[in-house]
Amino acid sequence: MARAVRLRQLAASDVERASEYYRQEAGEQTALDFIDAVEHAIARMRRRPQVGSLRFAYDLAIPDLRALPVQRFPYVVFYVVTDEEIDVWRILHTRRDVPANIAQPET
């Protein structure tokens, strides 16, 4: 059964900034392709919430933090699965300093 997805404000801002960058640097179609790829990653998470790697949960000592790469783009979706939903914290470029940019978000 697919779970609801909650996209935190920081994650939504991450997608907006990245899609705007792609629109300016590579064109409208690339920006749309990026958004489609993020939506595809989220759909995968809804079907199989445990699909993301726990590597960062161990590295950052944040229990249950999962990371799922966005196909065809150098971005990773960071999320936590709860009993009620999939809580998407951030969608970060792979070259970003993850420890500096990820922390338990405000509710």
PDB file of N, CA and C in Angstrom:
ATOM      1  N   MET A   1       0.836  -1.183   0.000  1.00  0.00           N
ATOM      2  CA  MET A   1       0.000   0.000   0.000  1.00  0.00           C
ATOM      3  C   MET A   1       0.885   1.253   0.000  1.00  0.00           C
ATOM      4  N   ALA A   2       0.599   2.175  -0.872  1.00  0.00           N
ATOM      5  CA  ALA A   2       1.394   3.399  -0.998  1.00  0.00           C
ATOM      6  C   ALA A   2       1.106   4.339   0.166  1.00  0.00           C
ATOM      7  N   ARG A   3       2.152   4.964   0.662  1.00  0.00           N
ATOM      8  CA  ARG A   3       2.023   5.916   1.766  1.00  0.00           C
ATOM      9  C   ARG A   3       1.975   7.339   1.238  1.00  0.00           C
ATOM     10  N   ALA A   4       1.419   8.206   2.051  1.00  0.00           N
ATOM     11  CA  ALA A   4       1.421   9.632   1.727  1.00  0.00           C
ATOM     12  C   ALA A   4       2.841  10.160   1.839  1.00  0.00           C
ATOM     13  N   VAL A   5       3.144  11.172   1.050  1.00  0.00           N
ATOM     14  CA  VAL A   5       4.461  11.807   1.075  1.00  0.00           C
ATOM     15  C   VAL A   5       4.289  13.244   1.546  1.00  0.00           C
ATOM     16  N   ARG A   6       5.103  13.612   2.524  1.00  0.00           N
ATOM     17  CA  ARG A   6       5.129  14.988   3.021  1.00  0.00           C
ATOM     18  C   ARG A   6       6.439  15.616   2.575  1.00  0.00           C
ATOM     19  N   LEU A   7       6.366  16.630   1.772  1.00  0.00           N
ATOM     20  CA  LEU A   7       7.542  17.339   1.276  1.00  0.00           C
ATOM     21  C   LEU A   7       7.753  18.570   2.153  1.00  0.00           C
ATOM     22  N   ARG A   8       8.820  18.553   2.940  1.00  0.00           N
ATOM     23  CA  ARG A   8       9.126  19.692   3.812  1.00  0.00           C
ATOM     24  C   ARG A   8       9.411  20.927   2.961  1.00  0.00           C
ATOM     25  N   GLN A   9       9.285  22.100   3.557  1.00  0.00           N
ATOM     26  CA  GLN A   9       9.522  23.354   2.836  1.00  0.00           C
ATOM     27  C   GLN A   9      10.937  23.410   2.264  1.00  0.00           C
ATOM     28  N   LEU A  10      11.924  22.950   3.034  1.00  0.00           N
ATOM     29  CA  LEU A  10      13.302  22.953   2.518  1.00  0.00           C
ATOM     30  C   LEU A  10      13.434  22.078   1.277  1.00  0.00           C
ATOM     31  N   ALA A  11      12.773  20.926   1.270  1.00  0.00           N
ATOM     32  CA  ALA A  11      12.828  20.036   0.107  1.00  0.00           C
ATOM     33  C   ALA A  11      12.163  20.682  -1.101  1.00  0.00           C
ATOM     34  N   ALA A  12      11.018  21.312  -0.883  1.00  0.00           N
ATOM     35  CA  ALA A  12      10.335  22.005  -1.984  1.00  0.00           C
ATOM     36  C   ALA A  12      11.216  23.132  -2.526  1.00  0.00           C
ATOM     37  N   SER A  13      11.880  23.857  -1.634  1.00  0.00           N
ATOM     38  CA  SER A  13      12.789  24.925  -2.068  1.00  0.00           C
ATOM     39  C   SER A  13      13.979  24.360  -2.839  1.00  0.00           C
ATOM     40  N   ASP A  14      14.477  23.195  -2.402  1.00  0.00           N
ATOM     41  CA  ASP A  14      15.573  22.543  -3.131  1.00  0.00           C
ATOM     42  C   ASP A  14      15.173  22.253  -4.573  1.00  0.00           C
ATOM     43  N   VAL A  15      13.963  21.722  -4.764  1.00  0.00           N
ATOM     44  CA  VAL A  15      13.483  21.393  -6.113  1.00  0.00           C
ATOM     45  C   VAL A  15      13.307  22.666  -6.938  1.00  0.00           C
ATOM     46  N   GLU A  16      12.749  23.691  -6.334  1.00  0.00           N
ATOM     47  CA  GLU A  16      12.548  24.962  -7.054  1.00  0.00           C
ATOM     48  C   GLU A  16      13.872  25.551  -7.519  1.00  0.00           C
ATOM     49  N   ARG A  17      14.863  25.589  -6.607  1.00  0.00           N
ATOM     50  CA  ARG A  17      16.174  26.160  -6.967  1.00  0.00           C
ATOM     51  C   ARG A  17      16.842  25.341  -8.070  1.00  0.00           C
ATOM     52  N   ALA A  18      16.810  24.018  -7.941  1.00  0.00           N
ATOM     53  CA  ALA A  18      17.463  23.169  -8.935  1.00  0.00           C
ATOM     54  C   ALA A  18      16.770  23.274 -10.291  1.00  0.00           C
ATOM     55  N   SER A  19      15.454  23.263 -10.300  1.00  0.00           N
ATOM     56  CA  SER A  19      14.744  23.349 -11.583  1.00  0.00           C
ATOM     57  C   SER A  19      14.969  24.705 -12.243  1.00  0.00           C
ATOM     58  N   GLU A  20      15.058  25.758 -11.453  1.00  0.00           N
ATOM     59  CA  GLU A  20      15.347  27.083 -12.016  1.00  0.00           C
ATOM     60  C   GLU A  20      16.762  27.126 -12.600  1.00  0.00           C
ATOM     61  N   TYR A  21      17.697  26.524 -11.886  1.00  0.00           N
ATOM     62  CA  TYR A  21      19.064  26.441 -12.401  1.00  0.00           C
ATOM     63  C   TYR A  21      19.079  25.704 -13.740  1.00  0.00           C
ATOM     64  N   TYR A  22      18.434  24.546 -13.802  1.00  0.00           N
ATOM     65  CA  TYR A  22      18.404  23.779 -15.053  1.00  0.00           C
ATOM     66  C   TYR A  22      17.704  24.557 -16.166  1.00  0.00           C
ATOM     67  N   ARG A  23      16.637  25.273 -15.820  1.00  0.00           N
ATOM     68  CA  ARG A  23      15.937  26.064 -16.838  1.00  0.00           C
ATOM     69  C   ARG A  23      16.858  27.123 -17.426  1.00  0.00           C
ATOM     70  N   GLN A  24      17.601  27.813 -16.562  1.00  0.00           N
ATOM     71  CA  GLN A  24      18.491  28.875 -17.036  1.00  0.00           C
ATOM     72  C   GLN A  24      19.705  28.338 -17.777  1.00  0.00           C
ATOM     73  N   GLU A  25      20.268  27.250 -17.292  1.00  0.00           N
ATOM     74  CA  GLU A  25      21.524  26.745 -17.840  1.00  0.00           C
ATOM     75  C   GLU A  25      21.357  25.731 -18.974  1.00  0.00           C
ATOM     76  N   ALA A  26      20.269  24.979 -18.973  1.00  0.00           N
ATOM     77  CA  ALA A  26      20.122  23.896 -19.955  1.00  0.00           C
ATOM     78  C   ALA A  26      18.797  23.925 -20.700  1.00  0.00           C
ATOM     79  N   GLY A  27      17.898  24.801 -20.301  1.00  0.00           N
ATOM     80  CA  GLY A  27      16.638  24.927 -21.020  1.00  0.00           C
ATOM     81  C   GLY A  27      15.445  24.353 -20.278  1.00  0.00           C
ATOM     82  N   GLU A  28      14.291  24.738 -20.780  1.00  0.00           N
ATOM     83  CA  GLU A  28      13.017  24.360 -20.170  1.00  0.00           C
ATOM     84  C   GLU A  28      12.832  22.844 -20.091  1.00  0.00           C
ATOM     85  N   GLN A  29      13.184  22.131 -21.150  1.00  0.00           N
ATOM     86  CA  GLN A  29      12.967  20.683 -21.158  1.00  0.00           C
ATOM     87  C   GLN A  29      13.799  19.978 -20.086  1.00  0.00           C
ATOM     88  N   THR A  30      15.024  20.409 -19.884  1.00  0.00           N
ATOM     89  CA  THR A  30      15.869  19.797 -18.847  1.00  0.00           C
ATOM     90  C   THR A  30      15.282  20.057 -17.469  1.00  0.00           C
ATOM     91  N   ALA A  31      14.765  21.254 -17.242  1.00  0.00           N
ATOM     92  CA  ALA A  31      14.119  21.560 -15.966  1.00  0.00           C
ATOM     93  C   ALA A  31      12.914  20.656 -15.746  1.00  0.00           C
ATOM     94  N   LEU A  32      12.115  20.465 -16.784  1.00  0.00           N
ATOM     95  CA  LEU A  32      10.956  19.571 -16.678  1.00  0.00           C
ATOM     96  C   LEU A  32      11.386  18.120 -16.471  1.00  0.00           C
ATOM     97  N   ASP A  33      12.458  17.723 -17.137  1.00  0.00           N
ATOM     98  CA  ASP A  33      12.981  16.364 -16.947  1.00  0.00           C
ATOM     99  C   ASP A  33      13.440  16.152 -15.510  1.00  0.00           C
ATOM    100  N   PHE A  34      14.051  17.173 -14.917  1.00  0.00           N
ATOM    101  CA  PHE A  34      14.477  17.080 -13.526  1.00  0.00           C
ATOM    102  C   PHE A  34      13.271  16.886 -12.609  1.00  0.00           C
ATOM    103  N   ILE A  35      12.247  17.696 -12.801  1.00  0.00           N
ATOM    104  CA  ILE A  35      11.038  17.574 -11.969  1.00  0.00           C
ATOM    105  C   ILE A  35      10.416  16.192 -12.137  1.00  0.00           C
ATOM    106  N   ASP A  36      10.358  15.690 -13.379  1.00  0.00           N
ATOM    107  CA  ASP A  36       9.839  14.345 -13.624  1.00  0.00           C
ATOM    108  C   ASP A  36      10.662  13.287 -12.892  1.00  0.00           C
ATOM    109  N   ALA A  37      11.981  13.446 -12.884  1.00  0.00           N
ATOM    110  CA  ALA A  37      12.857  12.478 -12.218  1.00  0.00           C
ATOM    111  C   ALA A  37      12.644  12.495 -10.704  1.00  0.00           C
ATOM    112  N   VAL A  38      12.441  13.676 -10.139  1.00  0.00           N
ATOM    113  CA  VAL A  38      12.145  13.777  -8.700  1.00  0.00           C
ATOM    114  C   VAL A  38      10.801  13.111  -8.408  1.00  0.00           C
ATOM    115  N   GLU A  39       9.809  13.373  -9.229  1.00  0.00           N
ATOM    116  CA  GLU A  39       8.494  12.752  -9.038  1.00  0.00           C
ATOM    117  C   GLU A  39       8.583  11.231  -9.151  1.00  0.00           C
ATOM    118  N   HIS A  40       9.413  10.746 -10.064  1.00  0.00           N
ATOM    119  CA  HIS A  40       9.605   9.302 -10.213  1.00  0.00           C
ATOM    120  C   HIS A  40      10.240   8.712  -8.952  1.00  0.00           C
ATOM    121  N   ALA A  41      11.232   9.396  -8.394  1.00  0.00           N
ATOM    122  CA  ALA A  41      11.873   8.925  -7.161  1.00  0.00           C
ATOM    123  C   ALA A  41      10.856   8.878  -6.016  1.00  0.00           C
ATOM    124  N   ILE A  42      10.021   9.886  -5.929  1.00  0.00           N
ATOM    125  CA  ILE A  42       9.009   9.914  -4.875  1.00  0.00           C
ATOM    126  C   ILE A  42       7.982   8.804  -5.078  1.00  0.00           C
ATOM    127  N   ALA A  43       7.610   8.537  -6.317  1.00  0.00           N
ATOM    128  CA  ALA A  43       6.681   7.437  -6.597  1.00  0.00           C
ATOM    129  C   ALA A  43       7.299   6.097  -6.187  1.00  0.00           C
ATOM    130  N   ARG A  44       8.587   5.919  -6.450  1.00  0.00           N
ATOM    131  CA  ARG A  44       9.273   4.695  -6.014  1.00  0.00           C
ATOM    132  C   ARG A  44       9.218   4.551  -4.503  1.00  0.00           C
ATOM    133  N   MET A  45       9.464   5.651  -3.795  1.00  0.00           N
ATOM    134  CA  MET A  45       9.431   5.635  -2.330  1.00  0.00           C
ATOM    135  C   MET A  45       8.034   5.286  -1.823  1.00  0.00           C
ATOM    136  N   ARG A  46       7.021   5.792  -2.478  1.00  0.00           N
ATOM    137  CA  ARG A  46       5.643   5.502  -2.046  1.00  0.00           C
ATOM    138  C   ARG A  46       5.345   4.015  -2.158  1.00  0.00           C
ATOM    139  N   ARG A  47       5.810   3.395  -3.236  1.00  0.00           N
ATOM    140  CA  ARG A  47       5.557   1.965  -3.433  1.00  0.00           C
ATOM    141  C   ARG A  47       6.405   1.101  -2.516  1.00  0.00           C
ATOM    142  N   ARG A  48       7.660   1.504  -2.328  1.00  0.00           N
ATOM    143  CA  ARG A  48       8.608   0.734  -1.522  1.00  0.00           C
ATOM    144  C   ARG A  48       9.369   1.685  -0.615  1.00  0.00           C
ATOM    145  N   PRO A  49       8.793   2.050   0.522  1.00  0.00           N
ATOM    146  CA  PRO A  49       9.400   3.070   1.383  1.00  0.00           C
ATOM    147  C   PRO A  49      10.819   2.740   1.848  1.00  0.00           C
ATOM    148  N   GLN A  50      11.161   1.479   1.949  1.00  0.00           N
ATOM    149  CA  GLN A  50      12.485   1.098   2.448  1.00  0.00           C
ATOM    150  C   GLN A  50      13.549   1.070   1.349  1.00  0.00           C
ATOM    151  N   VAL A  51      13.247   1.540   0.154  1.00  0.00           N
ATOM    152  CA  VAL A  51      14.164   1.457  -0.985  1.00  0.00           C
ATOM    153  C   VAL A  51      15.440   2.278  -0.798  1.00  0.00           C
ATOM    154  N   GLY A  52      15.383   3.355  -0.059  1.00  0.00           N
ATOM    155  CA  GLY A  52      16.541   4.232   0.107  1.00  0.00           C
ATOM    156  C   GLY A  52      17.598   3.641   1.031  1.00  0.00           C
ATOM    157  N   SER A  53      18.837   4.034   0.800  1.00  0.00           N
ATOM    158  CA  SER A  53      19.974   3.583   1.603  1.00  0.00           C
ATOM    159  C   SER A  53      19.952   4.229   2.989  1.00  0.00           C
ATOM    160  N   LEU A  54      20.415   3.471   3.985  1.00  0.00           N
ATOM    161  CA  LEU A  54      20.540   3.992   5.350  1.00  0.00           C
ATOM    162  C   LEU A  54      21.937   4.537   5.642  1.00  0.00           C
ATOM    163  N   ARG A  55      22.784   4.625   4.647  1.00  0.00           N
ATOM    164  CA  ARG A  55      24.165   5.054   4.855  1.00  0.00           C
ATOM    165  C   ARG A  55      24.272   6.348   5.664  1.00  0.00           C
ATOM    166  N   PHE A  56      23.500   7.347   5.278  1.00  0.00           N
ATOM    167  CA  PHE A  56      23.586   8.632   5.971  1.00  0.00           C
ATOM    168  C   PHE A  56      23.002   8.564   7.380  1.00  0.00           C
ATOM    169  N   ALA A  57      22.078   7.655   7.614  1.00  0.00           N
ATOM    170  CA  ALA A  57      21.555   7.472   8.976  1.00  0.00           C
ATOM    171  C   ALA A  57      22.692   7.096   9.908  1.00  0.00           C
ATOM    172  N   TYR A  58      23.577   6.226   9.436  1.00  0.00           N
ATOM    173  CA  TYR A  58      24.730   5.821  10.240  1.00  0.00           C
ATOM    174  C   TYR A  58      25.785   6.921  10.289  1.00  0.00           C
ATOM    175  N   ASP A  59      26.085   7.515   9.142  1.00  0.00           N
ATOM    176  CA  ASP A  59      27.115   8.551   9.079  1.00  0.00           C
ATOM    177  C   ASP A  59      26.771   9.776   9.923  1.00  0.00           C
ATOM    178  N   LEU A  60      25.488  10.143   9.948  1.00  0.00           N
ATOM    179  CA  LEU A  60      25.064  11.369  10.616  1.00  0.00           C
ATOM    180  C   LEU A  60      24.375  11.121  11.955  1.00  0.00           C
ATOM    181  N   ALA A  61      24.250   9.857  12.324  1.00  0.00           N
ATOM    182  CA  ALA A  61      23.567   9.484  13.577  1.00  0.00           C
ATOM    183  C   ALA A  61      22.142  10.044  13.625  1.00  0.00           C
ATOM    184  N   ILE A  62      21.447   9.958  12.496  1.00  0.00           N
ATOM    185  CA  ILE A  62      20.038  10.339  12.419  1.00  0.00           C
ATOM    186  C   ILE A  62      19.265   9.054  12.124  1.00  0.00           C
ATOM    187  N   PRO A  63      18.637   8.474  13.138  1.00  0.00           N
ATOM    188  CA  PRO A  63      17.959   7.192  12.939  1.00  0.00           C
ATOM    189  C   PRO A  63      16.949   7.233  11.795  1.00  0.00           C
ATOM    190  N   ASP A  64      16.987   6.206  10.971  1.00  0.00           N
ATOM    191  CA  ASP A  64      16.013   5.981   9.894  1.00  0.00           C
ATOM    192  C   ASP A  64      16.104   6.959   8.722  1.00  0.00           C
ATOM    193  N   LEU A  65      17.110   7.807   8.670  1.00  0.00           N
ATOM    194  CA  LEU A  65      17.270   8.699   7.522  1.00  0.00           C
ATOM    195  C   LEU A  65      17.676   7.879   6.310  1.00  0.00           C
ATOM    196  N   ARG A  66      16.919   7.978   5.251  1.00  0.00           N
ATOM    197  CA  ARG A  66      17.192   7.234   4.022  1.00  0.00           C
ATOM    198  C   ARG A  66      17.555   8.198   2.903  1.00  0.00           C
ATOM    199  N   ALA A  67      18.301   7.675   1.931  1.00  0.00           N
ATOM    200  CA  ALA A  67      18.734   8.476   0.790  1.00  0.00           C
ATOM    201  C   ALA A  67      18.454   7.696  -0.496  1.00  0.00           C
ATOM    202  N   LEU A  68      17.789   8.350  -1.425  1.00  0.00           N
ATOM    203  CA  LEU A  68      17.454   7.731  -2.709  1.00  0.00           C
ATOM    204  C   LEU A  68      17.924   8.644  -3.834  1.00  0.00           C
ATOM    205  N   PRO A  69      18.825   8.150  -4.689  1.00  0.00           N
ATOM    206  CA  PRO A  69      19.292   8.985  -5.805  1.00  0.00           C
ATOM    207  C   PRO A  69      18.165   9.297  -6.793  1.00  0.00           C
ATOM    208  N   VAL A  70      18.248  10.469  -7.383  1.00  0.00           N
ATOM    209  CA  VAL A  70      17.332  10.874  -8.444  1.00  0.00           C
ATOM    210  C   VAL A  70      17.971  10.415  -9.756  1.00  0.00           C
ATOM    211  N   GLN A  71      17.275   9.577 -10.486  1.00  0.00           N
ATOM    212  CA  GLN A  71      17.837   9.034 -11.722  1.00  0.00           C
ATOM    213  C   GLN A  71      18.131  10.134 -12.740  1.00  0.00           C
ATOM    214  N   ARG A  72      19.306  10.010 -13.393  1.00  0.00           N
ATOM    215  CA  ARG A  72      19.778  10.888 -14.467  1.00  0.00           C
ATOM    216  C   ARG A  72      20.205  12.273 -13.999  1.00  0.00           C
ATOM    217  N   PHE A  73      20.112  12.557 -12.707  1.00  0.00           N
ATOM    218  CA  PHE A  73      20.519  13.855 -12.181  1.00  0.00           C
ATOM    219  C   PHE A  73      21.338  13.646 -10.912  1.00  0.00           C
ATOM    220  N   PRO A  74      22.281  14.533 -10.628  1.00  0.00           N
ATOM    221  CA  PRO A  74      23.151  14.359  -9.457  1.00  0.00           C
ATOM    222  C   PRO A  74      22.507  14.874  -8.163  1.00  0.00           C
ATOM    223  N   TYR A  75      21.331  14.362  -7.861  1.00  0.00           N
ATOM    224  CA  TYR A  75      20.589  14.750  -6.658  1.00  0.00           C
ATOM    225  C   TYR A  75      20.177  13.524  -5.877  1.00  0.00           C
ATOM    226  N   VAL A  76      19.989  13.729  -4.563  1.00  0.00           N
ATOM    227  CA  VAL A  76      19.575  12.654  -3.669  1.00  0.00           C
ATOM    228  C   VAL A  76      18.405  13.160  -2.829  1.00  0.00           C
ATOM    229  N   VAL A  77      17.379  12.310  -2.694  1.00  0.00           N
ATOM    230  CA  VAL A  77      16.231  12.610  -1.845  1.00  0.00           C
ATOM    231  C   VAL A  77      16.508  12.028  -0.463  1.00  0.00           C
ATOM    232  N   PHE A  78      16.451  12.868   0.560  1.00  0.00           N
ATOM    233  CA  PHE A  78      16.654  12.431   1.941  1.00  0.00           C
ATOM    234  C   PHE A  78      15.295  12.407   2.632  1.00  0.00           C
ATOM    235  N   TYR A  79      14.973  11.267   3.234  1.00  0.00           N
ATOM    236  CA  TYR A  79      13.651  11.111   3.820  1.00  0.00           C
ATOM    237  C   TYR A  79      13.650  10.143   4.995  1.00  0.00           C
ATOM    238  N   VAL A  80      12.581  10.216   5.779  1.00  0.00           N
ATOM    239  CA  VAL A  80      12.360   9.317   6.905  1.00  0.00           C
ATOM    240  C   VAL A  80      10.969   8.718   6.743  1.00  0.00           C
ATOM    241  N   VAL A  81      10.874   7.410   6.951  1.00  0.00           N
ATOM    242  CA  VAL A  81       9.596   6.716   6.876  1.00  0.00           C
ATOM    243  C   VAL A  81       9.012   6.628   8.285  1.00  0.00           C
ATOM    244  N   THR A  82       7.788   7.100   8.425  1.00  0.00           N
ATOM    245  CA  THR A  82       7.082   6.970   9.701  1.00  0.00           C
ATOM    246  C   THR A  82       5.897   6.033   9.492  1.00  0.00           C
ATOM    247  N   ASP A  83       5.178   5.757  10.552  1.00  0.00           N
ATOM    248  CA  ASP A  83       4.003   4.895  10.433  1.00  0.00           C
ATOM    249  C   ASP A  83       2.929   5.526   9.550  1.00  0.00           C
ATOM    250  N   GLU A  84       2.877   6.843   9.525  1.00  0.00           N
ATOM    251  CA  GLU A  84       1.823   7.551   8.798  1.00  0.00           C
ATOM    252  C   GLU A  84       2.211   8.013   7.395  1.00  0.00           C
ATOM    253  N   GLU A  85       3.519   8.308   7.189  1.00  0.00           N
ATOM    254  CA  GLU A  85       3.896   8.961   5.937  1.00  0.00           C
ATOM    255  C   GLU A  85       5.377   8.775   5.616  1.00  0.00           C
ATOM    256  N   ILE A  86       5.734   9.281   4.453  1.00  0.00           N
ATOM    257  CA  ILE A  86       7.136   9.413   4.063  1.00  0.00           C
ATOM    258  C   ILE A  86       7.444  10.905   4.158  1.00  0.00           C
ATOM    259  N   ASP A  87       8.368  11.239   5.036  1.00  0.00           N
ATOM    260  CA  ASP A  87       8.689  12.626   5.356  1.00  0.00           C
ATOM    261  C   ASP A  87       9.972  13.015   4.613  1.00  0.00           C
ATOM    262  N   VAL A  88       9.836  13.775   3.528  1.00  0.00           N
ATOM    263  CA  VAL A  88      10.982  14.177   2.711  1.00  0.00           C
ATOM    264  C   VAL A  88      11.592  15.448   3.303  1.00  0.00           C
ATOM    265  N   TRP A  89      12.855  15.314   3.752  1.00  0.00           N
ATOM    266  CA  TRP A  89      13.540  16.425   4.415  1.00  0.00           C
ATOM    267  C   TRP A  89      14.199  17.359   3.423  1.00  0.00           C
ATOM    268  N   ARG A  90      15.023  16.803   2.525  1.00  0.00           N
ATOM    269  CA  ARG A  90      15.807  17.617   1.585  1.00  0.00           C
ATOM    270  C   ARG A  90      15.965  16.853   0.275  1.00  0.00           C
ATOM    271  N   ILE A  91      16.268  17.588  -0.788  1.00  0.00           N
ATOM    272  CA  ILE A  91      16.649  17.028  -2.083  1.00  0.00           C
ATOM    273  C   ILE A  91      17.895  17.802  -2.482  1.00  0.00           C
ATOM    274  N   LEU A  92      19.060  17.174  -2.254  1.00  0.00           N
ATOM    275  CA  LEU A  92      20.338  17.878  -2.361  1.00  0.00           C
ATOM    276  C   LEU A  92      21.188  17.359  -3.511  1.00  0.00           C
ATOM    277  N   HIS A  93      21.970  18.264  -4.081  1.00  0.00           N
ATOM    278  CA  HIS A  93      22.964  17.909  -5.088  1.00  0.00           C
ATOM    279  C   HIS A  93      24.023  17.030  -4.422  1.00  0.00           C
ATOM    280  N   THR A  94      24.556  16.082  -5.150  1.00  0.00           N
ATOM    281  CA  THR A  94      25.532  15.153  -4.573  1.00  0.00           C
ATOM    282  C   THR A  94      26.827  15.834  -4.163  1.00  0.00           C
ATOM    283  N   ARG A  95      27.101  17.010  -4.678  1.00  0.00           N
ATOM    284  CA  ARG A  95      28.320  17.730  -4.301  1.00  0.00           C
ATOM    285  C   ARG A  95      28.130  18.650  -3.096  1.00  0.00           C
ATOM    286  N   ARG A  96      26.918  18.723  -2.612  1.00  0.00           N
ATOM    287  CA  ARG A  96      26.662  19.543  -1.420  1.00  0.00           C
ATOM    288  C   ARG A  96      27.255  18.842  -0.205  1.00  0.00           C
ATOM    289  N   ASP A  97      27.586  19.612   0.791  1.00  0.00           N
ATOM    290  CA  ASP A  97      28.062  19.078   2.057  1.00  0.00           C
ATOM    291  C   ASP A  97      26.838  18.600   2.830  1.00  0.00           C
ATOM    292  N   VAL A  98      26.558  17.299   2.729  1.00  0.00           N
ATOM    293  CA  VAL A  98      25.348  16.753   3.324  1.00  0.00           C
ATOM    294  C   VAL A  98      25.279  17.010   4.829  1.00  0.00           C
ATOM    295  N   PRO A  99      26.332  16.686   5.602  1.00  0.00           N
ATOM    296  CA  PRO A  99      26.235  16.935   7.052  1.00  0.00           C
ATOM    297  C   PRO A  99      25.903  18.402   7.392  1.00  0.00           C
ATOM    298  N   ALA A 100      26.423  19.327   6.623  1.00  0.00           N
ATOM    299  CA  ALA A 100      26.155  20.747   6.896  1.00  0.00           C
ATOM    300  C   ALA A 100      24.748  21.167   6.472  1.00  0.00           C
ATOM    301  N   ASN A 101      24.137  20.405   5.558  1.00  0.00           N
ATOM    302  CA  ASN A 101      22.855  20.803   5.010  1.00  0.00           C
ATOM    303  C   ASN A 101      21.683  19.957   5.478  1.00  0.00           C
ATOM    304  N   ILE A 102      21.967  18.920   6.214  1.00  0.00           N
ATOM    305  CA  ILE A 102      20.858  18.076   6.681  1.00  0.00           C
ATOM    306  C   ILE A 102      20.847  18.061   8.199  1.00  0.00           C
ATOM    307  N   ALA A 103      19.712  18.274   8.716  1.00  0.00           N
ATOM    308  CA  ALA A 103      19.492  18.214  10.162  1.00  0.00           C
ATOM    309  C   ALA A 103      18.014  17.926  10.357  1.00  0.00           C
ATOM    310  N   GLN A 104      17.663  17.507  11.536  1.00  0.00           N
ATOM    311  CA  GLN A 104      16.248  17.243  11.798  1.00  0.00           C
ATOM    312  C   GLN A 104      15.480  18.520  11.559  1.00  0.00           C
ATOM    313  N   PRO A 105      14.546  18.502  10.592  1.00  0.00           N
ATOM    314  CA  PRO A 105      13.802  19.724  10.271  1.00  0.00           C
ATOM    315  C   PRO A 105      12.765  20.048  11.338  1.00  0.00           C
ATOM    316  N   GLU A 106      12.358  21.299  11.309  1.00  0.00           N
ATOM    317  CA  GLU A 106      11.245  21.715  12.169  1.00  0.00           C
ATOM    318  C   GLU A 106       9.985  21.026  11.680  1.00  0.00           C
ATOM    319  N   THR A 107       9.080  20.733  12.562  1.00  0.00           N
ATOM    320  CA  THR A 107       7.827  20.088  12.174  1.00  0.00           C
ATOM    321  C   THR A 107       6.828  21.089  11.686  1.00  0.00           C
TER     322      THR A 107
END
